[in-house]
Amino acid sequence: MPAGDDRPLVLVVACALVDADGRVLLARRPEGKDMAGLWEFPGGKVHPGESPEEALIRELEEELGIVVKPACLAPLTFASHAYARFHLLMPLYICRKWQGFAQAREGQTLKWVKPQALRDYPMPPADEPLIAHIQDALL
């Protein structure tokens, strides 16, 4: 952030969940939320005292009802994006193994997408640069 930028830094964490067919899970933000209708990688805010991995494990259980072990989360890349009201820093992990079946628990729509089709889904500005890294890892 430039010197003198008084926007707060917000740390969120995201995950590229990859199924046995090599598809990535996207979640569509529900009506009533900021950026409603855009597609994103599951995850959420890191609470005070949480590590990014702990936050992601909690968020995946809350949002999708799946259980992920820390050893199954591999750091892939991160996004840094200046929104109007805050600066977002978002580590992205990749995960290929979890327990349970992903289900929408917070009003979002879920879709499993082939990596080469990720650009067909409108995303928040911070998520878009992550696509190339996911495609490089999976294609």
N, C-alpha and C. Protein backbone atom coordinates (compact mmCIF):
# COMPACT_ATOMS: atom_id res chain seq x y z
N MET A 1 0.84 -1.17 0.00
CA MET A 1 0.00 0.00 0.00
C MET A 1 0.89 1.24 0.00
N PRO A 2 0.50 2.26 -0.71
CA PRO A 2 1.31 3.48 -0.72
C PRO A 2 1.35 4.11 0.67
N ALA A 3 2.45 4.81 0.95
CA ALA A 3 2.56 5.52 2.22
C ALA A 3 1.38 6.47 2.37
N GLY A 4 0.84 6.53 3.57
CA GLY A 4 -0.29 7.41 3.81
C GLY A 4 -1.64 6.81 3.46
N ASP A 5 -1.67 5.61 2.96
CA ASP A 5 -2.93 4.92 2.64
C ASP A 5 -3.54 4.46 3.95
N ASP A 6 -4.72 4.98 4.29
CA ASP A 6 -5.31 4.64 5.57
C ASP A 6 -6.35 3.53 5.48
N ARG A 7 -6.42 2.86 4.34
CA ARG A 7 -7.33 1.72 4.24
C ARG A 7 -6.83 0.58 5.13
N PRO A 8 -7.74 -0.06 5.87
CA PRO A 8 -7.30 -1.19 6.70
C PRO A 8 -6.89 -2.38 5.83
N LEU A 9 -5.95 -3.14 6.34
CA LEU A 9 -5.53 -4.38 5.68
C LEU A 9 -6.44 -5.49 6.18
N VAL A 10 -7.09 -6.18 5.26
CA VAL A 10 -7.99 -7.28 5.61
C VAL A 10 -7.37 -8.57 5.10
N LEU A 11 -7.20 -9.53 6.02
CA LEU A 11 -6.63 -10.83 5.67
C LEU A 11 -7.76 -11.84 5.52
N VAL A 12 -7.91 -12.37 4.32
CA VAL A 12 -8.85 -13.44 4.06
C VAL A 12 -8.07 -14.59 3.44
N VAL A 13 -8.64 -15.76 3.47
CA VAL A 13 -7.97 -16.94 2.95
C VAL A 13 -8.93 -17.66 2.01
N ALA A 14 -8.38 -18.26 0.96
CA ALA A 14 -9.22 -18.94 -0.04
C ALA A 14 -8.61 -20.29 -0.39
N CYS A 15 -9.44 -21.14 -0.98
CA CYS A 15 -9.00 -22.48 -1.32
C CYS A 15 -9.50 -22.88 -2.71
N ALA A 16 -8.58 -23.47 -3.47
CA ALA A 16 -8.95 -24.13 -4.71
C ALA A 16 -9.14 -25.60 -4.37
N LEU A 17 -10.40 -25.98 -4.14
CA LEU A 17 -10.72 -27.39 -3.90
C LEU A 17 -10.75 -28.08 -5.25
N VAL A 18 -10.01 -29.17 -5.39
CA VAL A 18 -9.89 -29.87 -6.66
C VAL A 18 -10.43 -31.28 -6.47
N ASP A 19 -11.46 -31.64 -7.26
CA ASP A 19 -12.05 -32.97 -7.13
C ASP A 19 -11.27 -34.01 -7.94
N ALA A 20 -11.72 -35.25 -7.88
CA ALA A 20 -11.02 -36.36 -8.55
C ALA A 20 -10.98 -36.18 -10.07
N ASP A 21 -11.90 -35.39 -10.63
CA ASP A 21 -11.93 -35.13 -12.07
C ASP A 21 -11.11 -33.90 -12.46
N GLY A 22 -10.39 -33.31 -11.50
CA GLY A 22 -9.57 -32.14 -11.79
C GLY A 22 -10.34 -30.83 -11.87
N ARG A 23 -11.59 -30.83 -11.40
CA ARG A 23 -12.40 -29.61 -11.42
C ARG A 23 -12.21 -28.83 -10.13
N VAL A 24 -12.43 -27.52 -10.21
CA VAL A 24 -12.25 -26.62 -9.08
C VAL A 24 -13.63 -26.11 -8.64
N LEU A 25 -13.84 -26.04 -7.33
CA LEU A 25 -15.12 -25.59 -6.81
C LEU A 25 -15.18 -24.05 -6.76
N LEU A 26 -16.23 -23.50 -7.34
CA LEU A 26 -16.52 -22.07 -7.25
C LEU A 26 -17.81 -21.88 -6.48
N ALA A 27 -17.88 -20.76 -5.74
CA ALA A 27 -19.09 -20.40 -5.00
C ALA A 27 -19.55 -19.04 -5.50
N ARG A 28 -20.83 -18.93 -5.78
CA ARG A 28 -21.41 -17.66 -6.24
C ARG A 28 -21.95 -16.90 -5.03
N ARG A 29 -21.49 -15.65 -4.89
CA ARG A 29 -21.90 -14.84 -3.74
C ARG A 29 -23.40 -14.57 -3.79
N PRO A 30 -24.10 -14.84 -2.68
CA PRO A 30 -25.57 -14.69 -2.67
C PRO A 30 -26.00 -13.23 -2.66
N GLU A 31 -27.26 -13.03 -3.02
CA GLU A 31 -27.86 -11.69 -2.98
C GLU A 31 -27.75 -11.14 -1.57
N GLY A 32 -27.53 -9.82 -1.48
CA GLY A 32 -27.44 -9.18 -0.18
C GLY A 32 -26.01 -9.04 0.32
N LYS A 33 -25.06 -9.75 -0.28
CA LYS A 33 -23.65 -9.62 0.09
C LYS A 33 -22.96 -8.69 -0.89
N ASP A 34 -21.85 -8.08 -0.45
CA ASP A 34 -21.03 -7.30 -1.38
C ASP A 34 -20.65 -8.19 -2.56
N MET A 35 -20.64 -7.62 -3.74
CA MET A 35 -20.26 -8.33 -4.96
C MET A 35 -21.15 -9.56 -5.22
N ALA A 36 -22.43 -9.45 -4.85
CA ALA A 36 -23.38 -10.53 -5.07
C ALA A 36 -23.39 -10.93 -6.55
N GLY A 37 -23.50 -12.22 -6.80
CA GLY A 37 -23.56 -12.74 -8.16
C GLY A 37 -22.21 -13.09 -8.74
N LEU A 38 -21.12 -12.63 -8.12
CA LEU A 38 -19.79 -12.98 -8.62
C LEU A 38 -19.36 -14.32 -8.04
N TRP A 39 -18.51 -15.01 -8.78
CA TRP A 39 -18.01 -16.32 -8.38
C TRP A 39 -16.66 -16.15 -7.68
N GLU A 40 -16.40 -16.98 -6.68
CA GLU A 40 -15.15 -16.89 -5.92
C GLU A 40 -14.73 -18.27 -5.45
N PHE A 41 -13.50 -18.32 -4.96
CA PHE A 41 -12.99 -19.54 -4.36
C PHE A 41 -13.42 -19.54 -2.90
N PRO A 42 -13.87 -20.68 -2.37
CA PRO A 42 -14.36 -20.71 -0.98
C PRO A 42 -13.29 -20.25 0.01
N GLY A 43 -13.75 -19.68 1.12
CA GLY A 43 -12.85 -19.21 2.17
C GLY A 43 -13.50 -18.08 2.92
N GLY A 44 -12.68 -17.29 3.61
CA GLY A 44 -13.24 -16.18 4.36
C GLY A 44 -12.20 -15.50 5.21
N LYS A 45 -12.68 -14.63 6.10
CA LYS A 45 -11.81 -13.79 6.92
C LYS A 45 -11.06 -14.62 7.96
N VAL A 46 -9.83 -14.20 8.20
CA VAL A 46 -9.02 -14.77 9.27
C VAL A 46 -9.33 -13.98 10.54
N HIS A 47 -9.79 -14.67 11.57
CA HIS A 47 -10.11 -14.02 12.83
C HIS A 47 -8.84 -13.79 13.66
N PRO A 48 -8.86 -12.81 14.56
CA PRO A 48 -7.70 -12.58 15.43
C PRO A 48 -7.32 -13.87 16.17
N GLY A 49 -6.03 -14.17 16.19
CA GLY A 49 -5.55 -15.37 16.87
C GLY A 49 -5.55 -16.63 16.02
N GLU A 50 -6.13 -16.57 14.82
CA GLU A 50 -6.16 -17.73 13.92
C GLU A 50 -5.00 -17.67 12.94
N SER A 51 -4.48 -18.82 12.58
CA SER A 51 -3.57 -18.89 11.45
C SER A 51 -4.42 -18.95 10.18
N PRO A 52 -3.84 -18.64 9.02
CA PRO A 52 -4.62 -18.77 7.79
C PRO A 52 -5.17 -20.19 7.59
N GLU A 53 -4.37 -21.19 7.94
CA GLU A 53 -4.84 -22.58 7.78
C GLU A 53 -6.01 -22.88 8.71
N GLU A 54 -5.93 -22.42 9.96
CA GLU A 54 -7.04 -22.64 10.89
C GLU A 54 -8.31 -21.95 10.39
N ALA A 55 -8.16 -20.74 9.89
CA ALA A 55 -9.31 -20.00 9.36
C ALA A 55 -9.92 -20.73 8.17
N LEU A 56 -9.08 -21.24 7.28
CA LEU A 56 -9.60 -21.91 6.09
C LEU A 56 -10.33 -23.21 6.48
N ILE A 57 -9.76 -23.96 7.39
CA ILE A 57 -10.41 -25.19 7.85
C ILE A 57 -11.78 -24.85 8.47
N ARG A 58 -11.84 -23.81 9.29
CA ARG A 58 -13.11 -23.38 9.89
C ARG A 58 -14.11 -22.94 8.83
N GLU A 59 -13.65 -22.09 7.90
CA GLU A 59 -14.54 -21.57 6.86
C GLU A 59 -15.08 -22.68 5.96
N LEU A 60 -14.24 -23.63 5.58
CA LEU A 60 -14.69 -24.72 4.70
C LEU A 60 -15.74 -25.58 5.40
N GLU A 61 -15.58 -25.76 6.71
CA GLU A 61 -16.59 -26.52 7.45
C GLU A 61 -17.89 -25.72 7.56
N GLU A 62 -17.78 -24.41 7.86
CA GLU A 62 -18.98 -23.57 8.00
C GLU A 62 -19.71 -23.40 6.68
N GLU A 63 -18.98 -23.10 5.60
CA GLU A 63 -19.60 -22.79 4.30
C GLU A 63 -20.04 -24.02 3.54
N LEU A 64 -19.23 -25.09 3.63
CA LEU A 64 -19.43 -26.24 2.75
C LEU A 64 -19.70 -27.55 3.47
N GLY A 65 -19.50 -27.60 4.78
CA GLY A 65 -19.73 -28.82 5.53
C GLY A 65 -18.68 -29.90 5.31
N ILE A 66 -17.48 -29.50 4.90
CA ILE A 66 -16.42 -30.49 4.69
C ILE A 66 -15.34 -30.32 5.76
N VAL A 67 -14.63 -31.42 6.03
CA VAL A 67 -13.56 -31.42 7.02
C VAL A 67 -12.23 -31.57 6.28
N VAL A 68 -11.33 -30.62 6.52
CA VAL A 68 -10.02 -30.62 5.87
C VAL A 68 -8.95 -30.69 6.95
N LYS A 69 -7.99 -31.56 6.76
CA LYS A 69 -6.86 -31.64 7.68
C LYS A 69 -5.78 -30.65 7.24
N PRO A 70 -5.05 -30.05 8.19
CA PRO A 70 -4.02 -29.07 7.83
C PRO A 70 -3.01 -29.60 6.81
N ALA A 71 -2.64 -30.86 6.91
CA ALA A 71 -1.64 -31.43 6.00
C ALA A 71 -2.14 -31.49 4.55
N CYS A 72 -3.45 -31.37 4.35
CA CYS A 72 -4.02 -31.44 2.99
C CYS A 72 -4.10 -30.07 2.32
N LEU A 73 -3.71 -29.01 3.03
CA LEU A 73 -3.70 -27.66 2.47
C LEU A 73 -2.30 -27.31 2.00
N ALA A 74 -2.14 -27.07 0.71
CA ALA A 74 -0.84 -26.68 0.16
C ALA A 74 -0.91 -25.23 -0.31
N PRO A 75 -0.05 -24.34 0.22
CA PRO A 75 -0.07 -22.95 -0.24
C PRO A 75 0.29 -22.88 -1.72
N LEU A 76 -0.47 -22.10 -2.48
CA LEU A 76 -0.24 -22.01 -3.93
C LEU A 76 0.26 -20.62 -4.32
N THR A 77 -0.44 -19.58 -3.91
CA THR A 77 -0.08 -18.20 -4.27
C THR A 77 -0.87 -17.27 -3.37
N PHE A 78 -0.87 -15.98 -3.67
CA PHE A 78 -1.69 -15.05 -2.91
C PHE A 78 -2.12 -13.91 -3.82
N ALA A 79 -3.16 -13.21 -3.37
CA ALA A 79 -3.64 -12.01 -4.06
C ALA A 79 -3.49 -10.83 -3.12
N SER A 80 -3.14 -9.68 -3.70
CA SER A 80 -3.09 -8.41 -2.96
C SER A 80 -3.84 -7.41 -3.82
N HIS A 81 -4.95 -6.88 -3.28
CA HIS A 81 -5.80 -6.00 -4.09
C HIS A 81 -6.33 -4.85 -3.25
N ALA A 82 -6.23 -3.65 -3.77
CA ALA A 82 -6.74 -2.45 -3.11
C ALA A 82 -8.18 -2.20 -3.55
N TYR A 83 -9.12 -2.48 -2.67
CA TYR A 83 -10.51 -2.10 -2.88
C TYR A 83 -10.70 -0.68 -2.34
N ALA A 84 -11.84 -0.09 -2.59
CA ALA A 84 -12.07 1.30 -2.18
C ALA A 84 -11.96 1.49 -0.67
N ARG A 85 -12.49 0.56 0.12
CA ARG A 85 -12.55 0.73 1.57
C ARG A 85 -11.48 -0.03 2.34
N PHE A 86 -10.78 -0.97 1.71
CA PHE A 86 -9.77 -1.77 2.40
C PHE A 86 -8.80 -2.36 1.40
N HIS A 87 -7.68 -2.84 1.91
CA HIS A 87 -6.71 -3.55 1.07
C HIS A 87 -6.79 -5.02 1.46
N LEU A 88 -7.02 -5.86 0.49
CA LEU A 88 -7.20 -7.29 0.73
C LEU A 88 -5.90 -8.04 0.48
N LEU A 89 -5.54 -8.88 1.42
CA LEU A 89 -4.44 -9.82 1.25
C LEU A 89 -5.04 -11.21 1.41
N MET A 90 -4.88 -12.06 0.37
CA MET A 90 -5.57 -13.34 0.34
C MET A 90 -4.64 -14.48 -0.08
N PRO A 91 -4.13 -15.25 0.90
CA PRO A 91 -3.41 -16.46 0.54
C PRO A 91 -4.38 -17.47 -0.09
N LEU A 92 -3.90 -18.17 -1.11
CA LEU A 92 -4.70 -19.21 -1.77
C LEU A 92 -4.00 -20.55 -1.56
N TYR A 93 -4.77 -21.50 -1.07
CA TYR A 93 -4.29 -22.86 -0.88
C TYR A 93 -4.98 -23.75 -1.90
N ILE A 94 -4.34 -24.89 -2.18
CA ILE A 94 -4.96 -25.90 -3.03
C ILE A 94 -5.17 -27.13 -2.16
N CYS A 95 -6.30 -27.78 -2.35
CA CYS A 95 -6.66 -28.95 -1.54
C CYS A 95 -7.31 -29.99 -2.43
N ARG A 96 -6.81 -31.20 -2.35
CA ARG A 96 -7.35 -32.30 -3.17
C ARG A 96 -8.01 -33.39 -2.33
N LYS A 97 -7.95 -33.27 -0.99
CA LYS A 97 -8.47 -34.33 -0.13
C LYS A 97 -9.21 -33.71 1.05
N TRP A 98 -10.44 -34.16 1.28
CA TRP A 98 -11.25 -33.71 2.40
C TRP A 98 -12.26 -34.79 2.72
N GLN A 99 -12.93 -34.63 3.85
CA GLN A 99 -13.98 -35.56 4.25
C GLN A 99 -15.33 -34.88 4.08
N GLY A 100 -16.29 -35.63 3.55
CA GLY A 100 -17.63 -35.10 3.35
C GLY A 100 -17.84 -34.65 1.91
N PHE A 101 -19.04 -34.14 1.66
CA PHE A 101 -19.42 -33.66 0.33
C PHE A 101 -19.74 -32.18 0.42
N ALA A 102 -19.12 -31.40 -0.44
CA ALA A 102 -19.34 -29.95 -0.43
C ALA A 102 -20.80 -29.64 -0.72
N GLN A 103 -21.40 -28.86 0.18
CA GLN A 103 -22.78 -28.43 -0.01
C GLN A 103 -22.90 -26.97 0.41
N ALA A 104 -23.76 -26.25 -0.27
CA ALA A 104 -23.95 -24.82 0.01
C ALA A 104 -24.71 -24.67 1.31
N ARG A 105 -24.04 -24.10 2.33
CA ARG A 105 -24.67 -23.94 3.64
C ARG A 105 -24.97 -22.48 3.97
N GLU A 106 -24.59 -21.55 3.08
CA GLU A 106 -24.78 -20.12 3.38
C GLU A 106 -25.47 -19.38 2.24
N GLY A 107 -26.35 -20.07 1.52
CA GLY A 107 -27.12 -19.41 0.47
C GLY A 107 -26.39 -19.24 -0.85
N GLN A 108 -25.15 -19.69 -0.93
CA GLN A 108 -24.38 -19.55 -2.16
C GLN A 108 -24.72 -20.68 -3.14
N THR A 109 -24.40 -20.46 -4.41
CA THR A 109 -24.52 -21.49 -5.43
C THR A 109 -23.12 -22.06 -5.64
N LEU A 110 -23.03 -23.39 -5.75
CA LEU A 110 -21.74 -24.04 -5.97
C LEU A 110 -21.68 -24.64 -7.36
N LYS A 111 -20.48 -24.65 -7.93
CA LYS A 111 -20.29 -25.24 -9.25
C LYS A 111 -18.87 -25.77 -9.36
N TRP A 112 -18.74 -27.01 -9.83
CA TRP A 112 -17.43 -27.59 -10.12
C TRP A 112 -17.07 -27.24 -11.56
N VAL A 113 -15.89 -26.64 -11.75
CA VAL A 113 -15.52 -26.06 -13.04
C VAL A 113 -14.15 -26.59 -13.47
N LYS A 114 -14.04 -26.96 -14.75
CA LYS A 114 -12.74 -27.35 -15.30
C LYS A 114 -11.81 -26.13 -15.26
N PRO A 115 -10.52 -26.32 -14.96
CA PRO A 115 -9.61 -25.18 -14.83
C PRO A 115 -9.61 -24.26 -16.05
N GLN A 116 -9.68 -24.84 -17.25
CA GLN A 116 -9.63 -24.01 -18.46
C GLN A 116 -10.90 -23.16 -18.64
N ALA A 117 -11.96 -23.44 -17.88
CA ALA A 117 -13.21 -22.67 -17.99
C ALA A 117 -13.37 -21.64 -16.87
N LEU A 118 -12.39 -21.51 -15.98
CA LEU A 118 -12.53 -20.59 -14.84
C LEU A 118 -12.77 -19.15 -15.27
N ARG A 119 -12.18 -18.73 -16.38
CA ARG A 119 -12.35 -17.34 -16.83
C ARG A 119 -13.77 -17.06 -17.36
N ASP A 120 -14.58 -18.09 -17.52
CA ASP A 120 -15.96 -17.90 -17.98
C ASP A 120 -16.88 -17.42 -16.86
N TYR A 121 -16.37 -17.36 -15.64
CA TYR A 121 -17.18 -16.99 -14.49
C TYR A 121 -16.71 -15.65 -13.94
N PRO A 122 -17.58 -14.63 -13.93
CA PRO A 122 -17.17 -13.32 -13.42
C PRO A 122 -16.81 -13.42 -11.94
N MET A 123 -15.66 -12.85 -11.58
CA MET A 123 -15.13 -12.94 -10.22
C MET A 123 -14.79 -11.55 -9.68
N PRO A 124 -14.69 -11.45 -8.35
CA PRO A 124 -14.18 -10.19 -7.77
C PRO A 124 -12.76 -9.93 -8.27
N PRO A 125 -12.36 -8.67 -8.34
CA PRO A 125 -11.03 -8.34 -8.88
C PRO A 125 -9.87 -9.06 -8.18
N ALA A 126 -9.98 -9.33 -6.90
CA ALA A 126 -8.88 -10.00 -6.19
C ALA A 126 -8.74 -11.47 -6.60
N ASP A 127 -9.85 -12.10 -7.01
CA ASP A 127 -9.80 -13.52 -7.36
C ASP A 127 -9.26 -13.76 -8.77
N GLU A 128 -9.50 -12.83 -9.68
CA GLU A 128 -9.14 -13.04 -11.09
C GLU A 128 -7.68 -13.42 -11.31
N PRO A 129 -6.69 -12.74 -10.67
CA PRO A 129 -5.29 -13.10 -10.92
C PRO A 129 -4.92 -14.51 -10.43
N LEU A 130 -5.74 -15.08 -9.57
CA LEU A 130 -5.45 -16.41 -9.05
C LEU A 130 -5.68 -17.50 -10.10
N ILE A 131 -6.51 -17.20 -11.09
CA ILE A 131 -6.87 -18.20 -12.09
C ILE A 131 -5.63 -18.76 -12.80
N ALA A 132 -4.73 -17.89 -13.23
CA ALA A 132 -3.55 -18.35 -13.97
C ALA A 132 -2.71 -19.30 -13.13
N HIS A 133 -2.60 -19.04 -11.83
CA HIS A 133 -1.80 -19.90 -10.95
C HIS A 133 -2.47 -21.27 -10.80
N ILE A 134 -3.80 -21.27 -10.68
CA ILE A 134 -4.53 -22.53 -10.56
C ILE A 134 -4.38 -23.32 -11.87
N GLN A 135 -4.54 -22.64 -12.99
CA GLN A 135 -4.40 -23.33 -14.28
C GLN A 135 -2.99 -23.90 -14.44
N ASP A 136 -1.96 -23.13 -14.06
CA ASP A 136 -0.59 -23.63 -14.14
C ASP A 136 -0.40 -24.87 -13.29
N ALA A 137 -1.03 -24.92 -12.13
CA ALA A 137 -0.89 -26.05 -11.21
C ALA A 137 -1.64 -27.28 -11.69
N LEU A 138 -2.73 -27.08 -12.45
CA LEU A 138 -3.61 -28.20 -12.78
C LEU A 138 -3.56 -28.63 -14.25
N LEU A 139 -3.12 -27.76 -15.15
CA LEU A 139 -3.15 -28.13 -16.58
C LEU A 139 -1.80 -28.62 -17.06
